[in-house]
PDB file of N, CA and C in Angstrom:
ATOM      1  N   MET A   1      10.260  24.557  13.173  1.00  0.00           N
ATOM      2  CA  MET A   1      10.633  23.526  12.219  1.00  0.00           C
ATOM      3  C   MET A   1       9.420  22.609  11.994  1.00  0.00           C
ATOM      4  N   LYS A   2       9.160  22.360  10.742  1.00  0.00           N
ATOM      5  CA  LYS A   2       8.063  21.454  10.381  1.00  0.00           C
ATOM      6  C   LYS A   2       8.619  20.037  10.300  1.00  0.00           C
ATOM      7  N   ASP A   3       8.111  19.167  11.157  1.00  0.00           N
ATOM      8  CA  ASP A   3       8.614  17.785  11.167  1.00  0.00           C
ATOM      9  C   ASP A   3       7.509  16.792  10.810  1.00  0.00           C
ATOM     10  N   THR A   4       6.533  17.239  10.027  1.00  0.00           N
ATOM     11  CA  THR A   4       5.423  16.362   9.664  1.00  0.00           C
ATOM     12  C   THR A   4       5.530  15.902   8.217  1.00  0.00           C
ATOM     13  N   PHE A   5       4.875  14.796   7.937  1.00  0.00           N
ATOM     14  CA  PHE A   5       4.772  14.285   6.575  1.00  0.00           C
ATOM     15  C   PHE A   5       3.464  13.533   6.459  1.00  0.00           C
ATOM     16  N   GLU A   6       3.003  13.340   5.241  1.00  0.00           N
ATOM     17  CA  GLU A   6       1.742  12.644   5.002  1.00  0.00           C
ATOM     18  C   GLU A   6       1.985  11.349   4.237  1.00  0.00           C
ATOM     19  N   LEU A   7       1.191  10.360   4.572  1.00  0.00           N
ATOM     20  CA  LEU A   7       1.144   9.109   3.818  1.00  0.00           C
ATOM     21  C   LEU A   7      -0.300   8.844   3.444  1.00  0.00           C
ATOM     22  N   TYR A   8      -0.487   8.270   2.271  1.00  0.00           N
ATOM     23  CA  TYR A   8      -1.823   7.834   1.889  1.00  0.00           C
ATOM     24  C   TYR A   8      -2.200   6.593   2.688  1.00  0.00           C
ATOM     25  N   ASN A   9      -3.463   6.490   3.071  1.00  0.00           N
ATOM     26  CA  ASN A   9      -4.029   5.248   3.567  1.00  0.00           C
ATOM     27  C   ASN A   9      -4.430   4.453   2.331  1.00  0.00           C
ATOM     28  N   LEU A  10      -4.336   3.141   2.399  1.00  0.00           N
ATOM     29  CA  LEU A  10      -4.617   2.303   1.233  1.00  0.00           C
ATOM     30  C   LEU A  10      -5.640   1.227   1.552  1.00  0.00           C
ATOM     31  N   ASP A  11      -6.431   0.876   0.546  1.00  0.00           N
ATOM     32  CA  ASP A  11      -7.240  -0.341   0.555  1.00  0.00           C
ATOM     33  C   ASP A  11      -6.676  -1.232  -0.538  1.00  0.00           C
ATOM     34  N   VAL A  12      -6.486  -2.504  -0.242  1.00  0.00           N
ATOM     35  CA  VAL A  12      -6.056  -3.487  -1.231  1.00  0.00           C
ATOM     36  C   VAL A  12      -7.191  -4.499  -1.336  1.00  0.00           C
ATOM     37  N   THR A  13      -7.839  -4.529  -2.504  1.00  0.00           N
ATOM     38  CA  THR A  13      -9.060  -5.310  -2.691  1.00  0.00           C
ATOM     39  C   THR A  13      -8.870  -6.375  -3.755  1.00  0.00           C
ATOM     40  N   VAL A  14      -9.346  -7.578  -3.477  1.00  0.00           N
ATOM     41  CA  VAL A  14      -9.328  -8.673  -4.452  1.00  0.00           C
ATOM     42  C   VAL A  14     -10.395  -8.380  -5.507  1.00  0.00           C
ATOM     43  N   ILE A  15      -9.992  -8.392  -6.784  1.00  0.00           N
ATOM     44  CA  ILE A  15     -10.945  -8.207  -7.877  1.00  0.00           C
ATOM     45  C   ILE A  15     -10.791  -9.348  -8.876  1.00  0.00           C
ATOM     46  N   GLY A  16     -11.802  -9.548  -9.679  1.00  0.00           N
ATOM     47  CA  GLY A  16     -11.755 -10.578 -10.708  1.00  0.00           C
ATOM     48  C   GLY A  16     -12.899 -11.565 -10.568  1.00  0.00           C
ATOM     49  N   ASP A  17     -12.918 -12.494 -11.484  1.00  0.00           N
ATOM     50  CA  ASP A  17     -13.955 -13.526 -11.546  1.00  0.00           C
ATOM     51  C   ASP A  17     -13.458 -14.779 -10.831  1.00  0.00           C
ATOM     52  N   LYS A  18     -14.126 -15.164  -9.757  1.00  0.00           N
ATOM     53  CA  LYS A  18     -13.718 -16.311  -8.931  1.00  0.00           C
ATOM     54  C   LYS A  18     -13.484 -17.578  -9.763  1.00  0.00           C
ATOM     55  N   THR A  19     -14.210 -17.718 -10.885  1.00  0.00           N
ATOM     56  CA  THR A  19     -14.048 -18.929 -11.708  1.00  0.00           C
ATOM     57  C   THR A  19     -12.669 -18.991 -12.371  1.00  0.00           C
ATOM     58  N   THR A  20     -11.952 -17.869 -12.419  1.00  0.00           N
ATOM     59  CA  THR A  20     -10.614 -17.862 -13.028  1.00  0.00           C
ATOM     60  C   THR A  20      -9.509 -17.980 -11.985  1.00  0.00           C
ATOM     61  N   PHE A  21      -9.875 -18.020 -10.709  1.00  0.00           N
ATOM     62  CA  PHE A  21      -8.880 -18.059  -9.643  1.00  0.00           C
ATOM     63  C   PHE A  21      -8.349 -19.476  -9.462  1.00  0.00           C
ATOM     64  N   ALA A  22      -7.042 -19.608  -9.341  1.00  0.00           N
ATOM     65  CA  ALA A  22      -6.425 -20.878  -8.969  1.00  0.00           C
ATOM     66  C   ALA A  22      -6.217 -20.922  -7.459  1.00  0.00           C
ATOM     67  N   CYS A  23      -6.173 -19.760  -6.863  1.00  0.00           N
ATOM     68  CA  CYS A  23      -5.941 -19.636  -5.419  1.00  0.00           C
ATOM     69  C   CYS A  23      -7.277 -19.466  -4.703  1.00  0.00           C
ATOM     70  N   ASP A  24      -7.223 -19.438  -3.393  1.00  0.00           N
ATOM     71  CA  ASP A  24      -8.434 -19.333  -2.580  1.00  0.00           C
ATOM     72  C   ASP A  24      -8.732 -17.872  -2.225  1.00  0.00           C
ATOM     73  N   HIS A  25      -8.720 -16.997  -3.225  1.00  0.00           N
ATOM     74  CA  HIS A  25      -9.026 -15.595  -3.005  1.00  0.00           C
ATOM     75  C   HIS A  25     -10.543 -15.393  -3.004  1.00  0.00           C
ATOM     76  N   THR A  26     -10.997 -14.332  -2.357  1.00  0.00           N
ATOM     77  CA  THR A  26     -12.412 -14.004  -2.306  1.00  0.00           C
ATOM     78  C   THR A  26     -12.615 -12.617  -2.903  1.00  0.00           C
ATOM     79  N   PRO A  27     -13.320 -12.498  -4.045  1.00  0.00           N
ATOM     80  CA  PRO A  27     -13.547 -11.174  -4.622  1.00  0.00           C
ATOM     81  C   PRO A  27     -14.200 -10.234  -3.603  1.00  0.00           C
ATOM     82  N   GLY A  28     -13.698  -9.021  -3.551  1.00  0.00           N
ATOM     83  CA  GLY A  28     -14.218  -8.025  -2.623  1.00  0.00           C
ATOM     84  C   GLY A  28     -13.499  -7.998  -1.290  1.00  0.00           C
ATOM     85  N   LEU A  29     -12.787  -9.073  -0.955  1.00  0.00           N
ATOM     86  CA  LEU A  29     -12.032  -9.091   0.300  1.00  0.00           C
ATOM     87  C   LEU A  29     -10.934  -8.038   0.224  1.00  0.00           C
ATOM     88  N   ALA A  30     -10.748  -7.309   1.293  1.00  0.00           N
ATOM     89  CA  ALA A  30      -9.748  -6.247   1.290  1.00  0.00           C
ATOM     90  C   ALA A  30      -8.998  -6.214   2.610  1.00  0.00           C
ATOM     91  N   PHE A  31      -7.822  -5.605   2.565  1.00  0.00           N
ATOM     92  CA  PHE A  31      -7.147  -5.212   3.793  1.00  0.00           C
ATOM     93  C   PHE A  31      -6.739  -3.759   3.630  1.00  0.00           C
ATOM     94  N   GLN A  32      -6.482  -3.117   4.750  1.00  0.00           N
ATOM     95  CA  GLN A  32      -6.127  -1.700   4.736  1.00  0.00           C
ATOM     96  C   GLN A  32      -4.678  -1.533   5.179  1.00  0.00           C
ATOM     97  N   VAL A  33      -4.089  -0.427   4.714  1.00  0.00           N
ATOM     98  CA  VAL A  33      -2.756  -0.027   5.137  1.00  0.00           C
ATOM     99  C   VAL A  33      -2.896   1.382   5.706  1.00  0.00           C
ATOM    100  N   ASN A  34      -2.575   1.525   6.979  1.00  0.00           N
ATOM    101  CA  ASN A  34      -2.573   2.830   7.641  1.00  0.00           C
ATOM    102  C   ASN A  34      -1.212   3.004   8.293  1.00  0.00           C
ATOM    103  N   GLY A  35      -0.407   3.895   7.728  1.00  0.00           N
ATOM    104  CA  GLY A  35       0.960   4.043   8.224  1.00  0.00           C
ATOM    105  C   GLY A  35       1.709   2.747   8.013  1.00  0.00           C
ATOM    106  N   GLU A  36       2.279   2.223   9.085  1.00  0.00           N
ATOM    107  CA  GLU A  36       3.008   0.958   8.979  1.00  0.00           C
ATOM    108  C   GLU A  36       2.141  -0.246   9.310  1.00  0.00           C
ATOM    109  N   ASP A  37       0.872  -0.019   9.573  1.00  0.00           N
ATOM    110  CA  ASP A  37      -0.019  -1.094   9.996  1.00  0.00           C
ATOM    111  C   ASP A  37      -0.826  -1.686   8.846  1.00  0.00           C
ATOM    112  N   LEU A  38      -0.878  -3.005   8.791  1.00  0.00           N
ATOM    113  CA  LEU A  38      -1.745  -3.742   7.892  1.00  0.00           C
ATOM    114  C   LEU A  38      -2.937  -4.222   8.716  1.00  0.00           C
ATOM    115  N   ILE A  39      -4.142  -3.980   8.225  1.00  0.00           N
ATOM    116  CA  ILE A  39      -5.346  -4.324   8.969  1.00  0.00           C
ATOM    117  C   ILE A  39      -6.141  -5.337   8.163  1.00  0.00           C
ATOM    118  N   PHE A  40      -6.256  -6.550   8.705  1.00  0.00           N
ATOM    119  CA  PHE A  40      -6.947  -7.642   8.037  1.00  0.00           C
ATOM    120  C   PHE A  40      -8.253  -7.955   8.748  1.00  0.00           C
ATOM    121  N   VAL A  41      -9.286  -8.219   7.963  1.00  0.00           N
ATOM    122  CA  VAL A  41     -10.557  -8.661   8.525  1.00  0.00           C
ATOM    123  C   VAL A  41     -10.638 -10.183   8.447  1.00  0.00           C
ATOM    124  N   LYS A  42     -10.121 -10.754   7.369  1.00  0.00           N
ATOM    125  CA  LYS A  42     -10.142 -12.199   7.161  1.00  0.00           C
ATOM    126  C   LYS A  42      -8.767 -12.649   6.688  1.00  0.00           C
ATOM    127  N   ARG A  43      -8.623 -13.937   6.521  1.00  0.00           N
ATOM    128  CA  ARG A  43      -7.335 -14.484   6.089  1.00  0.00           C
ATOM    129  C   ARG A  43      -6.952 -13.947   4.708  1.00  0.00           C
ATOM    130  N   PHE A  44      -5.649 -13.935   4.454  1.00  0.00           N
ATOM    131  CA  PHE A  44      -5.134 -13.428   3.187  1.00  0.00           C
ATOM    132  C   PHE A  44      -3.873 -14.215   2.862  1.00  0.00           C
ATOM    133  N   SER A  45      -3.704 -14.623   1.618  1.00  0.00           N
ATOM    134  CA  SER A  45      -2.571 -15.445   1.197  1.00  0.00           C
ATOM    135  C   SER A  45      -1.235 -14.750   1.477  1.00  0.00           C
ATOM    136  N   MET A  46      -0.334 -15.456   2.170  1.00  0.00           N
ATOM    137  CA  MET A  46       0.967 -14.857   2.458  1.00  0.00           C
ATOM    138  C   MET A  46       1.804 -14.720   1.184  1.00  0.00           C
ATOM    139  N   TYR A  47       1.584 -15.571   0.187  1.00  0.00           N
ATOM    140  CA  TYR A  47       2.334 -15.459  -1.063  1.00  0.00           C
ATOM    141  C   TYR A  47       1.907 -14.207  -1.828  1.00  0.00           C
ATOM    142  N   THR A  48       0.610 -13.951  -1.853  1.00  0.00           N
ATOM    143  CA  THR A  48       0.119 -12.739  -2.488  1.00  0.00           C
ATOM    144  C   THR A  48       0.605 -11.523  -1.713  1.00  0.00           C
ATOM    145  N   LEU A  49       0.514 -11.578  -0.405  1.00  0.00           N
ATOM    146  CA  LEU A  49       0.964 -10.473   0.427  1.00  0.00           C
ATOM    147  C   LEU A  49       2.443 -10.181   0.178  1.00  0.00           C
ATOM    148  N   ALA A  50       3.241 -11.231   0.057  1.00  0.00           N
ATOM    149  CA  ALA A  50       4.670 -11.059  -0.197  1.00  0.00           C
ATOM    150  C   ALA A  50       4.929 -10.326  -1.512  1.00  0.00           C
ATOM    151  N   SER A  51       4.069 -10.536  -2.501  1.00  0.00           N
ATOM    152  CA  SER A  51       4.261  -9.846  -3.785  1.00  0.00           C
ATOM    153  C   SER A  51       3.752  -8.405  -3.743  1.00  0.00           C
ATOM    154  N   LEU A  52       2.801  -8.118  -2.858  1.00  0.00           N
ATOM    155  CA  LEU A  52       2.243  -6.771  -2.749  1.00  0.00           C
ATOM    156  C   LEU A  52       3.062  -5.854  -1.839  1.00  0.00           C
ATOM    157  N   ILE A  53       3.666  -6.400  -0.811  1.00  0.00           N
ATOM    158  CA  ILE A  53       4.363  -5.611   0.214  1.00  0.00           C
ATOM    159  C   ILE A  53       5.359  -4.599  -0.383  1.00  0.00           C
ATOM    160  N   PRO A  54       6.204  -4.967  -1.352  1.00  0.00           N
ATOM    161  CA  PRO A  54       7.163  -3.973  -1.860  1.00  0.00           C
ATOM    162  C   PRO A  54       6.507  -2.741  -2.501  1.00  0.00           C
ATOM    163  N   LEU A  55       5.285  -2.884  -2.986  1.00  0.00           N
ATOM    164  CA  LEU A  55       4.606  -1.768  -3.651  1.00  0.00           C
ATOM    165  C   LEU A  55       3.912  -0.821  -2.673  1.00  0.00           C
ATOM    166  N   LEU A  56       3.521  -1.311  -1.518  1.00  0.00           N
ATOM    167  CA  LEU A  56       2.680  -0.535  -0.607  1.00  0.00           C
ATOM    168  C   LEU A  56       3.339   0.746  -0.094  1.00  0.00           C
ATOM    169  N   PRO A  57       4.599   0.723   0.369  1.00  0.00           N
ATOM    170  CA  PRO A  57       5.193   1.981   0.824  1.00  0.00           C
ATOM    171  C   PRO A  57       5.292   3.027  -0.291  1.00  0.00           C
ATOM    172  N   ALA A  58       5.534   2.587  -1.511  1.00  0.00           N
ATOM    173  CA  ALA A  58       5.602   3.532  -2.630  1.00  0.00           C
ATOM    174  C   ALA A  58       4.228   4.113  -2.940  1.00  0.00           C
ATOM    175  N   LYS A  59       3.185   3.276  -2.870  1.00  0.00           N
ATOM    176  CA  LYS A  59       1.826   3.766  -3.130  1.00  0.00           C
ATOM    177  C   LYS A  59       1.357   4.723  -2.031  1.00  0.00           C
ATOM    178  N   GLN A  60       1.952   4.654  -0.845  1.00  0.00           N
ATOM    179  CA  GLN A  60       1.571   5.540   0.245  1.00  0.00           C
ATOM    180  C   GLN A  60       2.116   6.956   0.056  1.00  0.00           C
ATOM    181  N   ARG A  61       3.128   7.119  -0.758  1.00  0.00           N
ATOM    182  CA  ARG A  61       3.800   8.411  -0.878  1.00  0.00           C
ATOM    183  C   ARG A  61       3.320   9.197  -2.085  1.00  0.00           C
ATOM    184  N   ASN A  62       3.511  10.528  -2.007  1.00  0.00           N
ATOM    185  CA  ASN A  62       3.199  11.382  -3.147  1.00  0.00           C
ATOM    186  C   ASN A  62       4.113  11.007  -4.299  1.00  0.00           C
ATOM    187  N   THR A  63       3.538  10.893  -5.469  1.00  0.00           N
ATOM    188  CA  THR A  63       4.315  10.587  -6.671  1.00  0.00           C
ATOM    189  C   THR A  63       3.892  11.537  -7.779  1.00  0.00           C
ATOM    190  N   HIS A  64       4.740  11.716  -8.742  1.00  0.00           N
ATOM    191  CA  HIS A  64       4.451  12.587  -9.877  1.00  0.00           C
ATOM    192  C   HIS A  64       3.263  12.026 -10.660  1.00  0.00           C
ATOM    193  N   ALA A  65       2.452  12.895 -11.227  1.00  0.00           N
ATOM    194  CA  ALA A  65       1.261  12.470 -11.972  1.00  0.00           C
ATOM    195  C   ALA A  65       1.605  11.525 -13.125  1.00  0.00           C
ATOM    196  N   ASN A  66       2.795  11.636 -13.708  1.00  0.00           N
ATOM    197  CA  ASN A  66       3.189  10.789 -14.833  1.00  0.00           C
ATOM    198  C   ASN A  66       3.891   9.500 -14.401  1.00  0.00           C
ATOM    199  N   ASP A  67       4.137   9.343 -13.135  1.00  0.00           N
ATOM    200  CA  ASP A  67       4.817   8.166 -12.610  1.00  0.00           C
ATOM    201  C   ASP A  67       3.857   6.969 -12.663  1.00  0.00           C
ATOM    202  N   TRP A  68       4.334   5.819 -13.116  1.00  0.00           N
ATOM    203  CA  TRP A  68       3.467   4.640 -13.189  1.00  0.00           C
ATOM    204  C   TRP A  68       2.937   4.250 -11.817  1.00  0.00           C
ATOM    205  N   MET A  69       3.654   4.597 -10.763  1.00  0.00           N
ATOM    206  CA  MET A  69       3.184   4.270  -9.424  1.00  0.00           C
ATOM    207  C   MET A  69       1.908   5.043  -9.082  1.00  0.00           C
ATOM    208  N   THR A  70       1.689   6.176  -9.745  1.00  0.00           N
ATOM    209  CA  THR A  70       0.469   6.954  -9.553  1.00  0.00           C
ATOM    210  C   THR A  70      -0.689   6.348 -10.337  1.00  0.00           C
ATOM    211  N   SER A  71      -0.437   5.962 -11.576  1.00  0.00           N
ATOM    212  CA  SER A  71      -1.520   5.551 -12.470  1.00  0.00           C
ATOM    213  C   SER A  71      -1.857   4.063 -12.412  1.00  0.00           C
ATOM    214  N   ASP A  72      -0.888   3.218 -12.149  1.00  0.00           N
ATOM    215  CA  ASP A  72      -1.119   1.768 -12.185  1.00  0.00           C
ATOM    216  C   ASP A  72      -1.526   1.292 -10.800  1.00  0.00           C
ATOM    217  N   ASP A  73      -2.729   0.742 -10.704  1.00  0.00           N
ATOM    218  CA  ASP A  73      -3.225   0.360  -9.382  1.00  0.00           C
ATOM    219  C   ASP A  73      -3.758  -1.069  -9.311  1.00  0.00           C
ATOM    220  N   ILE A  74      -3.610  -1.842 -10.382  1.00  0.00           N
ATOM    221  CA  ILE A  74      -4.074  -3.228 -10.375  1.00  0.00           C
ATOM    222  C   ILE A  74      -2.871  -4.148 -10.543  1.00  0.00           C
ATOM    223  N   ILE A  75      -2.735  -5.072  -9.595  1.00  0.00           N
ATOM    224  CA  ILE A  75      -1.595  -5.978  -9.537  1.00  0.00           C
ATOM    225  C   ILE A  75      -2.112  -7.407  -9.721  1.00  0.00           C
ATOM    226  N   SER A  76      -1.426  -8.187 -10.535  1.00  0.00           N
ATOM    227  CA  SER A  76      -1.824  -9.578 -10.767  1.00  0.00           C
ATOM    228  C   SER A  76      -1.386 -10.474  -9.624  1.00  0.00           C
ATOM    229  N   CYS A  77      -2.110 -11.558  -9.438  1.00  0.00           N
ATOM    230  CA  CYS A  77      -1.730 -12.583  -8.473  1.00  0.00           C
ATOM    231  C   CYS A  77      -0.349 -13.115  -8.867  1.00  0.00           C
ATOM    232  N   PRO A  78       0.502 -13.424  -7.902  1.00  0.00           N
ATOM    233  CA  PRO A  78       1.824 -13.948  -8.263  1.00  0.00           C
ATOM    234  C   PRO A  78       1.780 -15.343  -8.893  1.00  0.00           C
ATOM    235  N   ASP A  79       0.653 -16.058  -8.745  1.00  0.00           N
ATOM    236  CA  ASP A  79       0.494 -17.365  -9.386  1.00  0.00           C
ATOM    237  C   ASP A  79       0.095 -17.108 -10.840  1.00  0.00           C
ATOM    238  N   PRO A  80       0.937 -17.447 -11.811  1.00  0.00           N
ATOM    239  CA  PRO A  80       0.617 -17.154 -13.214  1.00  0.00           C
ATOM    240  C   PRO A  80      -0.626 -17.873 -13.733  1.00  0.00           C
ATOM    241  N   ASN A  81      -1.095 -18.886 -13.019  1.00  0.00           N
ATOM    242  CA  ASN A  81      -2.283 -19.628 -13.432  1.00  0.00           C
ATOM    243  C   ASN A  81      -3.556 -19.113 -12.777  1.00  0.00           C
ATOM    244  N   CYS A  82      -3.444 -18.054 -11.993  1.00  0.00           N
ATOM    245  CA  CYS A  82      -4.589 -17.518 -11.254  1.00  0.00           C
ATOM    246  C   CYS A  82      -5.037 -16.198 -11.896  1.00  0.00           C
ATOM    247  N   GLY A  83      -6.324 -16.041 -12.040  1.00  0.00           N
ATOM    248  CA  GLY A  83      -6.870 -14.826 -12.647  1.00  0.00           C
ATOM    249  C   GLY A  83      -7.166 -13.711 -11.663  1.00  0.00           C
ATOM    250  N   ALA A  84      -6.858 -13.910 -10.388  1.00  0.00           N
ATOM    251  CA  ALA A  84      -7.131 -12.867  -9.392  1.00  0.00           C
ATOM    252  C   ALA A  84      -6.222 -11.666  -9.616  1.00  0.00           C
ATOM    253  N   ARG A  85      -6.774 -10.516  -9.295  1.00  0.00           N
ATOM    254  CA  ARG A  85      -6.010  -9.272  -9.334  1.00  0.00           C
ATOM    255  C   ARG A  85      -6.311  -8.510  -8.050  1.00  0.00           C
ATOM    256  N   PHE A  86      -5.465  -7.542  -7.767  1.00  0.00           N
ATOM    257  CA  PHE A  86      -5.571  -6.797  -6.521  1.00  0.00           C
ATOM    258  C   PHE A  86      -5.489  -5.309  -6.829  1.00  0.00           C
ATOM    259  N   LYS A  87      -6.528  -4.583  -6.438  1.00  0.00           N
ATOM    260  CA  LYS A  87      -6.591  -3.145  -6.698  1.00  0.00           C
ATOM    261  C   LYS A  87      -6.121  -2.408  -5.454  1.00  0.00           C
ATOM    262  N   ILE A  88      -5.118  -1.554  -5.633  1.00  0.00           N
ATOM    263  CA  ILE A  88      -4.597  -0.731  -4.547  1.00  0.00           C
ATOM    264  C   ILE A  88      -5.176   0.665  -4.711  1.00  0.00           C
ATOM    265  N   SER A  89      -5.993   1.078  -3.753  1.00  0.00           N
ATOM    266  CA  SER A  89      -6.671   2.375  -3.811  1.00  0.00           C
ATOM    267  C   SER A  89      -6.174   3.281  -2.698  1.00  0.00           C
ATOM    268  N   ARG A  90      -5.854   4.514  -3.059  1.00  0.00           N
ATOM    269  CA  ARG A  90      -5.526   5.525  -2.058  1.00  0.00           C
ATOM    270  C   ARG A  90      -6.838   6.051  -1.500  1.00  0.00           C
ATOM    271  N   THR A  91      -7.005   5.977  -0.188  1.00  0.00           N
ATOM    272  CA  THR A  91      -8.307   6.286   0.410  1.00  0.00           C
ATOM    273  C   THR A  91      -8.323   7.535   1.274  1.00  0.00           C
ATOM    274  N   GLY A  92      -7.230   8.136   1.509  1.00  0.00           N
ATOM    275  CA  GLY A  92      -7.151   9.322   2.358  1.00  0.00           C
ATOM    276  C   GLY A  92      -5.710   9.514   2.766  1.00  0.00           C
ATOM    277  N   ARG A  93      -5.464  10.494   3.598  1.00  0.00           N
ATOM    278  CA  ARG A  93      -4.104  10.770   4.047  1.00  0.00           C
ATOM    279  C   ARG A  93      -4.077  10.884   5.559  1.00  0.00           C
ATOM    280  N   THR A  94      -2.961  10.494   6.114  1.00  0.00           N
ATOM    281  CA  THR A  94      -2.728  10.667   7.541  1.00  0.00           C
ATOM    282  C   THR A  94      -1.416  11.420   7.708  1.00  0.00           C
ATOM    283  N   THR A  95      -1.398  12.386   8.622  1.00  0.00           N
ATOM    284  CA  THR A  95      -0.194  13.156   8.907  1.00  0.00           C
ATOM    285  C   THR A  95       0.536  12.528  10.080  1.00  0.00           C
ATOM    286  N   TYR A  96       1.846  12.388   9.930  1.00  0.00           N
ATOM    287  CA  TYR A  96       2.704  11.818  10.964  1.00  0.00           C
ATOM    288  C   TYR A  96       3.779  12.838  11.326  1.00  0.00           C
ATOM    289  N   ARG A  97       4.306  12.725  12.528  1.00  0.00           N
ATOM    290  CA  ARG A  97       5.426  13.547  12.978  1.00  0.00           C
ATOM    291  C   ARG A  97       6.672  12.666  12.972  1.00  0.00           C
ATOM    292  N   HIS A  98       7.760  13.237  12.501  1.00  0.00           N
ATOM    293  CA  HIS A  98       9.021  12.500  12.396  1.00  0.00           C
ATOM    294  C   HIS A  98       9.377  11.797  13.703  1.00  0.00           C
ATOM    295  N   GLY A  99       9.320  12.503  14.802  1.00  0.00           N
ATOM    296  CA  GLY A  99       9.709  11.944  16.093  1.00  0.00           C
ATOM    297  C   GLY A  99       8.791  10.857  16.610  1.00  0.00           C
ATOM    298  N   GLU A 100       7.613  10.720  16.026  1.00  0.00           N
ATOM    299  CA  GLU A 100       6.681   9.673  16.446  1.00  0.00           C
ATOM    300  C   GLU A 100       6.921   8.347  15.737  1.00  0.00           C
ATOM    301  N   VAL A 101       7.715   8.371  14.664  1.00  0.00           N
ATOM    302  CA  VAL A 101       7.919   7.141  13.886  1.00  0.00           C
ATOM    303  C   VAL A 101       9.374   6.679  13.838  1.00  0.00           C
ATOM    304  N   THR A 102      10.285   7.464  14.405  1.00  0.00           N
ATOM    305  CA  THR A 102      11.695   7.077  14.419  1.00  0.00           C
ATOM    306  C   THR A 102      12.401   7.721  15.597  1.00  0.00           C
ATOM    307  N   ARG A 103      13.475   7.102  16.024  1.00  0.00           N
ATOM    308  CA  ARG A 103      14.323   7.673  17.082  1.00  0.00           C
ATOM    309  C   ARG A 103      15.444   8.519  16.482  1.00  0.00           C
ATOM    310  N   ASN A 104      15.674   8.414  15.170  1.00  0.00           N
ATOM    311  CA  ASN A 104      16.715   9.214  14.529  1.00  0.00           C
ATOM    312  C   ASN A 104      16.282  10.665  14.462  1.00  0.00           C
ATOM    313  N   PRO A 105      17.137  11.583  14.939  1.00  0.00           N
ATOM    314  CA  PRO A 105      16.773  12.996  14.857  1.00  0.00           C
ATOM    315  C   PRO A 105      16.899  13.504  13.421  1.00  0.00           C
ATOM    316  N   LEU A 106      16.133  14.552  13.109  1.00  0.00           N
ATOM    317  CA  LEU A 106      16.312  15.207  11.811  1.00  0.00           C
ATOM    318  C   LEU A 106      17.678  15.856  11.800  1.00  0.00           C
ATOM    319  N   ASN A 107      18.412  15.738  10.679  1.00  0.00           N
ATOM    320  CA  ASN A 107      19.708  16.407  10.615  1.00  0.00           C
ATOM    321  C   ASN A 107      19.515  17.860  10.166  1.00  0.00           C
ATOM    322  N   ASP A 108      20.578  18.648  10.195  1.00  0.00           N
ATOM    323  CA  ASP A 108      20.478  20.078   9.894  1.00  0.00           C
ATOM    324  C   ASP A 108      19.981  20.340   8.478  1.00  0.00           C
ATOM    325  N   ALA A 109      20.370  19.508   7.497  1.00  0.00           N
ATOM    326  CA  ALA A 109      19.909  19.694   6.120  1.00  0.00           C
ATOM    327  C   ALA A 109      18.412  19.453   6.030  1.00  0.00           C
ATOM    328  N   ASP A 110      17.911  18.454   6.761  1.00  0.00           N
ATOM    329  CA  ASP A 110      16.467  18.184   6.766  1.00  0.00           C
ATOM    330  C   ASP A 110      15.712  19.329   7.404  1.00  0.00           C
ATOM    331  N   LYS A 111      16.254  19.892   8.483  1.00  0.00           N
ATOM    332  CA  LYS A 111      15.607  21.001   9.176  1.00  0.00           C
ATOM    333  C   LYS A 111      15.511  22.215   8.270  1.00  0.00           C
ATOM    334  N   ALA A 112      16.543  22.470   7.479  1.00  0.00           N
ATOM    335  CA  ALA A 112      16.563  23.641   6.599  1.00  0.00           C
ATOM    336  C   ALA A 112      15.552  23.510   5.478  1.00  0.00           C
ATOM    337  N   SER A 113      15.284  22.290   5.019  1.00  0.00           N
ATOM    338  CA  SER A 113      14.340  22.103   3.905  1.00  0.00           C
ATOM    339  C   SER A 113      12.900  21.970   4.378  1.00  0.00           C
ATOM    340  N   SER A 114      12.678  21.946   5.683  1.00  0.00           N
ATOM    341  CA  SER A 114      11.303  21.801   6.208  1.00  0.00           C
ATOM    342  C   SER A 114      10.527  23.082   6.080  1.00  0.00           C
TER     343      SER A 114
END
């Protein structure tokens, strides 16, 4: 039985012209997403993070080529007066095993489709 799956690793990078920012963002600053882990090098706005979080698990998964989640990768700052944007880039893939990320066993239907 195959119990593995892949997720994309992500970089989320601040882009834009600092002179248009209302917030304290730094162009080029990034954080990474590897599996369920967020990796920060420097501080990052929790309000911006709150607006990005719902998109990250979807960006980690395979999506159809015509799906907007595949093609759209620039997200605006949640502050409507701020010109900062955030680019979500898929940077590679990591393979995970079902049993390493959950205690729930695969059910018989899942086993048959593996």
